[in-house]
Amino acid sequence: MTIAIGCDEAAFELKQALKQWLLDDGLAVEDFGTFDTQPVLYPDIAFAAAQSIVEGRNQRAVLLCGTGIGMAISANKVRGIRAAQCHDPYSAERARKSNDAQVITMGARVIGAELAKTILRAWLAADFEPARSGPKVARIREFEDNVARPYSPPDNPPAAIDKPEPKP
């Protein structure tokens, strides 16, 4: 299994620790950055890592920021991705079993490295349970495919709104 990993500057040290832990466990890792503690636009890192899953280069992704919230929101904007913010092993396990989440996000300002490893271990060990949760994930996919379309401006923009003249 190949794991994408990425972070913002707030989670750089946690990313480095988890990356080494994954490598030591025999997993291949593709690092999407950041590569230092300078401020970055974390959505770009989340988009790239999530897209690598859609393209089949990586099977799962670990995304880290201060809270894990921004990375989850960003990764979930990529069509076909289910990202779950997890700060405990049970949620991580359920993210895989119930939601087939390919992306886990965590917050470096919320949890430490040892807890992050425990959470990651639970998430990596869990498998999706399609017999139980398959219809729910299928419904998410159906909505995404049929309703949630990318925004594009209309061909005929609406007419300007006329406002009454102010009274003297």
C-alpha atoms as a PDB file:
ATOM      1  CA  MET A   1       0.000   0.000   0.000  1.00  0.00           C
ATOM      2  CA  THR A   2       1.208   3.475  -0.861  1.00  0.00           C
ATOM      3  CA  ILE A   3       0.259   6.322   1.456  1.00  0.00           C
ATOM      4  CA  ALA A   4       0.148   9.993   0.505  1.00  0.00           C
ATOM      5  CA  ILE A   5       1.096  12.339   3.322  1.00  0.00           C
ATOM      6  CA  GLY A   6       0.894  16.099   3.600  1.00  0.00           C
ATOM      7  CA  CYS A   7       0.737  18.901   6.108  1.00  0.00           C
ATOM      8  CA  ASP A   8       0.832  22.612   6.708  1.00  0.00           C
ATOM      9  CA  GLU A   9       3.509  24.372   8.707  1.00  0.00           C
ATOM     10  CA  ALA A  10       1.720  23.741  12.028  1.00  0.00           C
ATOM     11  CA  ALA A  11       1.983  19.986  11.550  1.00  0.00           C
ATOM     12  CA  PHE A  12       5.417  19.682   9.933  1.00  0.00           C
ATOM     13  CA  GLU A  13       7.043  17.916  12.895  1.00  0.00           C
ATOM     14  CA  LEU A  14       4.116  15.503  13.285  1.00  0.00           C
ATOM     15  CA  LYS A  15       4.219  14.727   9.552  1.00  0.00           C
ATOM     16  CA  GLN A  16       7.924  13.928   9.750  1.00  0.00           C
ATOM     17  CA  ALA A  17       7.361  11.575  12.702  1.00  0.00           C
ATOM     18  CA  LEU A  18       4.424   9.785  11.053  1.00  0.00           C
ATOM     19  CA  LYS A  19       6.189   9.538   7.716  1.00  0.00           C
ATOM     20  CA  GLN A  20       9.177   7.817   9.316  1.00  0.00           C
ATOM     21  CA  TRP A  21       6.849   5.545  11.314  1.00  0.00           C
ATOM     22  CA  LEU A  22       5.051   4.502   8.104  1.00  0.00           C
ATOM     23  CA  LEU A  23       8.347   3.881   6.307  1.00  0.00           C
ATOM     24  CA  ASP A  24       9.646   1.845   9.264  1.00  0.00           C
ATOM     25  CA  ASP A  25       6.448  -0.221   9.021  1.00  0.00           C
ATOM     26  CA  GLY A  26       7.300  -1.068   5.394  1.00  0.00           C
ATOM     27  CA  LEU A  27       4.798   1.209   3.660  1.00  0.00           C
ATOM     28  CA  ALA A  28       5.670   3.373   0.674  1.00  0.00           C
ATOM     29  CA  VAL A  29       5.002   7.080   1.254  1.00  0.00           C
ATOM     30  CA  GLU A  30       4.553   9.928  -1.218  1.00  0.00           C
ATOM     31  CA  ASP A  31       5.196  13.242   0.540  1.00  0.00           C
ATOM     32  CA  PHE A  32       3.185  16.220  -0.711  1.00  0.00           C
ATOM     33  CA  GLY A  33       4.812  18.668   1.696  1.00  0.00           C
ATOM     34  CA  THR A  34       5.179  21.042   3.254  1.00  0.00           C
ATOM     35  CA  PHE A  35       8.881  20.519   3.696  1.00  0.00           C
ATOM     36  CA  ASP A  36       9.596  23.129   6.379  1.00  0.00           C
ATOM     37  CA  THR A  37       7.780  25.388   8.832  1.00  0.00           C
ATOM     38  CA  GLN A  38       7.156  28.278   6.443  1.00  0.00           C
ATOM     39  CA  PRO A  39       3.468  29.177   5.956  1.00  0.00           C
ATOM     40  CA  VAL A  40       1.721  27.449   3.038  1.00  0.00           C
ATOM     41  CA  LEU A  41      -1.738  27.256   1.515  1.00  0.00           C
ATOM     42  CA  TYR A  42      -2.689  23.867   2.946  1.00  0.00           C
ATOM     43  CA  PRO A  43      -5.686  23.384   0.599  1.00  0.00           C
ATOM     44  CA  ASP A  44      -3.251  22.953  -2.307  1.00  0.00           C
ATOM     45  CA  ILE A  45      -1.498  20.143  -0.445  1.00  0.00           C
ATOM     46  CA  ALA A  46      -4.819  18.488   0.426  1.00  0.00           C
ATOM     47  CA  PHE A  47      -6.080  18.770  -3.165  1.00  0.00           C
ATOM     48  CA  ALA A  48      -2.893  17.227  -4.587  1.00  0.00           C
ATOM     49  CA  ALA A  49      -2.790  14.338  -2.106  1.00  0.00           C
ATOM     50  CA  ALA A  50      -6.499  13.583  -2.557  1.00  0.00           C
ATOM     51  CA  GLN A  51      -6.184  13.737  -6.332  1.00  0.00           C
ATOM     52  CA  SER A  52      -3.365  11.187  -6.166  1.00  0.00           C
ATOM     53  CA  ILE A  53      -5.890   8.742  -4.684  1.00  0.00           C
ATOM     54  CA  VAL A  54      -8.471   9.453  -7.380  1.00  0.00           C
ATOM     55  CA  GLU A  55      -5.757   8.846  -9.995  1.00  0.00           C
ATOM     56  CA  GLY A  56      -4.740   5.567  -8.334  1.00  0.00           C
ATOM     57  CA  ARG A  57      -1.163   6.548  -7.447  1.00  0.00           C
ATOM     58  CA  ASN A  58      -1.855   6.181  -3.730  1.00  0.00           C
ATOM     59  CA  GLN A  59      -4.397   4.077  -1.880  1.00  0.00           C
ATOM     60  CA  ARG A  60      -4.809   6.294   1.184  1.00  0.00           C
ATOM     61  CA  ALA A  61      -3.691   9.662   2.527  1.00  0.00           C
ATOM     62  CA  VAL A  62      -2.775  11.168   5.869  1.00  0.00           C
ATOM     63  CA  LEU A  63      -3.262  14.934   6.021  1.00  0.00           C
ATOM     64  CA  LEU A  64      -2.243  17.048   8.979  1.00  0.00           C
ATOM     65  CA  CYS A  65      -2.731  20.647  10.019  1.00  0.00           C
ATOM     66  CA  GLY A  66      -3.239  22.466  13.303  1.00  0.00           C
ATOM     67  CA  THR A  67      -6.670  20.966  13.971  1.00  0.00           C
ATOM     68  CA  GLY A  68      -7.253  18.576  11.065  1.00  0.00           C
ATOM     69  CA  ILE A  69     -10.396  20.506  10.145  1.00  0.00           C
ATOM     70  CA  GLY A  70      -9.059  22.522   7.218  1.00  0.00           C
ATOM     71  CA  MET A  71      -7.394  19.513   5.628  1.00  0.00           C
ATOM     72  CA  ALA A  72     -10.620  17.479   5.916  1.00  0.00           C
ATOM     73  CA  ILE A  73     -12.711  20.232   4.364  1.00  0.00           C
ATOM     74  CA  SER A  74     -10.207  20.687   1.550  1.00  0.00           C
ATOM     75  CA  ALA A  75      -9.729  16.985   0.742  1.00  0.00           C
ATOM     76  CA  ASN A  76     -13.486  16.455   0.679  1.00  0.00           C
ATOM     77  CA  LYS A  77     -13.742  18.974  -2.168  1.00  0.00           C
ATOM     78  CA  VAL A  78     -12.029  16.477  -4.471  1.00  0.00           C
ATOM     79  CA  ARG A  79     -14.678  14.408  -6.263  1.00  0.00           C
ATOM     80  CA  GLY A  80     -14.589  10.793  -5.081  1.00  0.00           C
ATOM     81  CA  ILE A  81     -12.780  11.449  -1.808  1.00  0.00           C
ATOM     82  CA  ARG A  82     -14.092  10.744   1.662  1.00  0.00           C
ATOM     83  CA  ALA A  83     -11.855  12.360   4.276  1.00  0.00           C
ATOM     84  CA  ALA A  84     -12.485  11.968   7.999  1.00  0.00           C
ATOM     85  CA  GLN A  85     -11.025  14.030  10.790  1.00  0.00           C
ATOM     86  CA  CYS A  86     -10.088  11.643  13.605  1.00  0.00           C
ATOM     87  CA  HIS A  87      -8.604  12.228  17.029  1.00  0.00           C
ATOM     88  CA  ASP A  88      -9.235   8.814  18.558  1.00  0.00           C
ATOM     89  CA  PRO A  89      -8.771   5.203  17.399  1.00  0.00           C
ATOM     90  CA  TYR A  90     -12.478   4.329  17.415  1.00  0.00           C
ATOM     91  CA  SER A  91     -13.391   7.167  15.035  1.00  0.00           C
ATOM     92  CA  ALA A  92     -10.499   6.195  12.776  1.00  0.00           C
ATOM     93  CA  GLU A  93     -11.630   2.580  12.653  1.00  0.00           C
ATOM     94  CA  ARG A  94     -15.235   3.614  11.937  1.00  0.00           C
ATOM     95  CA  ALA A  95     -14.094   6.057   9.242  1.00  0.00           C
ATOM     96  CA  ARG A  96     -12.817   3.059   7.292  1.00  0.00           C
ATOM     97  CA  LYS A  97     -15.409   0.443   8.228  1.00  0.00           C
ATOM     98  CA  SER A  98     -18.510   2.611   7.876  1.00  0.00           C
ATOM     99  CA  ASN A  99     -17.476   5.310   5.411  1.00  0.00           C
ATOM    100  CA  ASP A 100     -14.650   3.795   3.362  1.00  0.00           C
ATOM    101  CA  ALA A 101     -12.638   6.960   4.096  1.00  0.00           C
ATOM    102  CA  GLN A 102      -9.482   6.982   1.999  1.00  0.00           C
ATOM    103  CA  VAL A 103      -8.151  10.049   3.815  1.00  0.00           C
ATOM    104  CA  ILE A 104      -7.605  10.618   7.504  1.00  0.00           C
ATOM    105  CA  THR A 105      -6.883  14.057   8.911  1.00  0.00           C
ATOM    106  CA  MET A 106      -5.488  14.897  12.316  1.00  0.00           C
ATOM    107  CA  GLY A 107      -4.498  18.022  14.180  1.00  0.00           C
ATOM    108  CA  ALA A 108      -0.977  18.521  15.471  1.00  0.00           C
ATOM    109  CA  ARG A 109      -2.253  21.073  17.997  1.00  0.00           C
ATOM    110  CA  VAL A 110      -4.835  18.574  19.234  1.00  0.00           C
ATOM    111  CA  ILE A 111      -2.942  15.288  19.584  1.00  0.00           C
ATOM    112  CA  GLY A 112       0.651  14.196  20.027  1.00  0.00           C
ATOM    113  CA  ALA A 113       2.760  11.869  17.916  1.00  0.00           C
ATOM    114  CA  GLU A 114       2.159   8.707  19.950  1.00  0.00           C
ATOM    115  CA  LEU A 115      -1.620   9.087  19.889  1.00  0.00           C
ATOM    116  CA  ALA A 116      -1.439   9.915  16.173  1.00  0.00           C
ATOM    117  CA  LYS A 117       0.395   6.617  15.585  1.00  0.00           C
ATOM    118  CA  THR A 118      -2.253   4.705  17.544  1.00  0.00           C
ATOM    119  CA  ILE A 119      -5.020   6.396  15.528  1.00  0.00           C
ATOM    120  CA  LEU A 120      -3.215   5.745  12.266  1.00  0.00           C
ATOM    121  CA  ARG A 121      -2.636   2.094  13.200  1.00  0.00           C
ATOM    122  CA  ALA A 122      -6.387   1.621  13.818  1.00  0.00           C
ATOM    123  CA  TRP A 123      -7.286   3.325  10.521  1.00  0.00           C
ATOM    124  CA  LEU A 124      -4.784   1.314   8.474  1.00  0.00           C
ATOM    125  CA  ALA A 125      -5.896  -1.980  10.031  1.00  0.00           C
ATOM    126  CA  ALA A 126      -9.603  -1.424   9.373  1.00  0.00           C
ATOM    127  CA  ASP A 127     -11.348  -2.508   6.198  1.00  0.00           C
ATOM    128  CA  PHE A 128     -14.563  -1.191   4.689  1.00  0.00           C
ATOM    129  CA  GLU A 129     -17.647  -3.280   5.530  1.00  0.00           C
ATOM    130  CA  PRO A 130     -19.677  -3.109   2.317  1.00  0.00           C
ATOM    131  CA  ALA A 131     -22.415  -5.488   3.479  1.00  0.00           C
ATOM    132  CA  ARG A 132     -23.326  -3.127   6.281  1.00  0.00           C
ATOM    133  CA  SER A 133     -22.347   0.299   5.002  1.00  0.00           C
ATOM    134  CA  GLY A 134     -22.207  -0.165   1.240  1.00  0.00           C
ATOM    135  CA  PRO A 135     -25.633   1.374   0.526  1.00  0.00           C
ATOM    136  CA  LYS A 136     -24.745   4.493   2.512  1.00  0.00           C
ATOM    137  CA  VAL A 137     -21.440   5.048   0.728  1.00  0.00           C
ATOM    138  CA  ALA A 138     -23.157   4.312  -2.593  1.00  0.00           C
ATOM    139  CA  ARG A 139     -25.685   7.055  -1.804  1.00  0.00           C
ATOM    140  CA  ILE A 140     -22.857   9.506  -1.127  1.00  0.00           C
ATOM    141  CA  ARG A 141     -21.287   8.599  -4.468  1.00  0.00           C
ATOM    142  CA  GLU A 142     -24.640   8.916  -6.250  1.00  0.00           C
ATOM    143  CA  PHE A 143     -25.214  12.391  -4.855  1.00  0.00           C
ATOM    144  CA  GLU A 144     -21.713  13.454  -5.717  1.00  0.00           C
ATOM    145  CA  ASP A 145     -21.996  12.127  -9.275  1.00  0.00           C
ATOM    146  CA  ASN A 146     -25.478  13.443 -10.013  1.00  0.00           C
ATOM    147  CA  VAL A 147     -26.000  16.548  -7.941  1.00  0.00           C
ATOM    148  CA  ALA A 148     -22.764  18.055  -6.723  1.00  0.00           C
ATOM    149  CA  ARG A 149     -21.442  19.553  -9.933  1.00  0.00           C
ATOM    150  CA  PRO A 150     -18.494  21.921 -10.135  1.00  0.00           C
ATOM    151  CA  TYR A 151     -19.549  25.541 -10.292  1.00  0.00           C
ATOM    152  CA  SER A 152     -19.483  27.190 -13.668  1.00  0.00           C
ATOM    153  CA  PRO A 153     -20.843  30.657 -14.348  1.00  0.00           C
ATOM    154  CA  PRO A 154     -24.058  30.819 -16.371  1.00  0.00           C
ATOM    155  CA  ASP A 155     -23.924  31.499 -20.108  1.00  0.00           C
ATOM    156  CA  ASN A 156     -26.446  34.299 -19.702  1.00  0.00           C
ATOM    157  CA  PRO A 157     -25.691  36.195 -16.521  1.00  0.00           C
ATOM    158  CA  PRO A 158     -28.754  37.619 -14.796  1.00  0.00           C
ATOM    159  CA  ALA A 159     -29.753  41.173 -15.603  1.00  0.00           C
ATOM    160  CA  ALA A 160     -28.645  43.919 -13.288  1.00  0.00           C
ATOM    161  CA  ILE A 161     -30.955  44.614 -10.399  1.00  0.00           C
ATOM    162  CA  ASP A 162     -32.575  48.028 -10.614  1.00  0.00           C
ATOM    163  CA  LYS A 163     -32.642  49.922  -7.348  1.00  0.00           C
ATOM    164  CA  PRO A 164     -35.005  52.793  -6.664  1.00  0.00           C
ATOM    165  CA  GLU A 165     -33.568  56.257  -6.639  1.00  0.00           C
ATOM    166  CA  PRO A 166     -33.023  57.581  -3.136  1.00  0.00           C
ATOM    167  CA  LYS A 167     -35.626  60.077  -2.014  1.00  0.00           C
ATOM    168  CA  PRO A 168     -34.406  63.603  -1.334  1.00  0.00           C
END
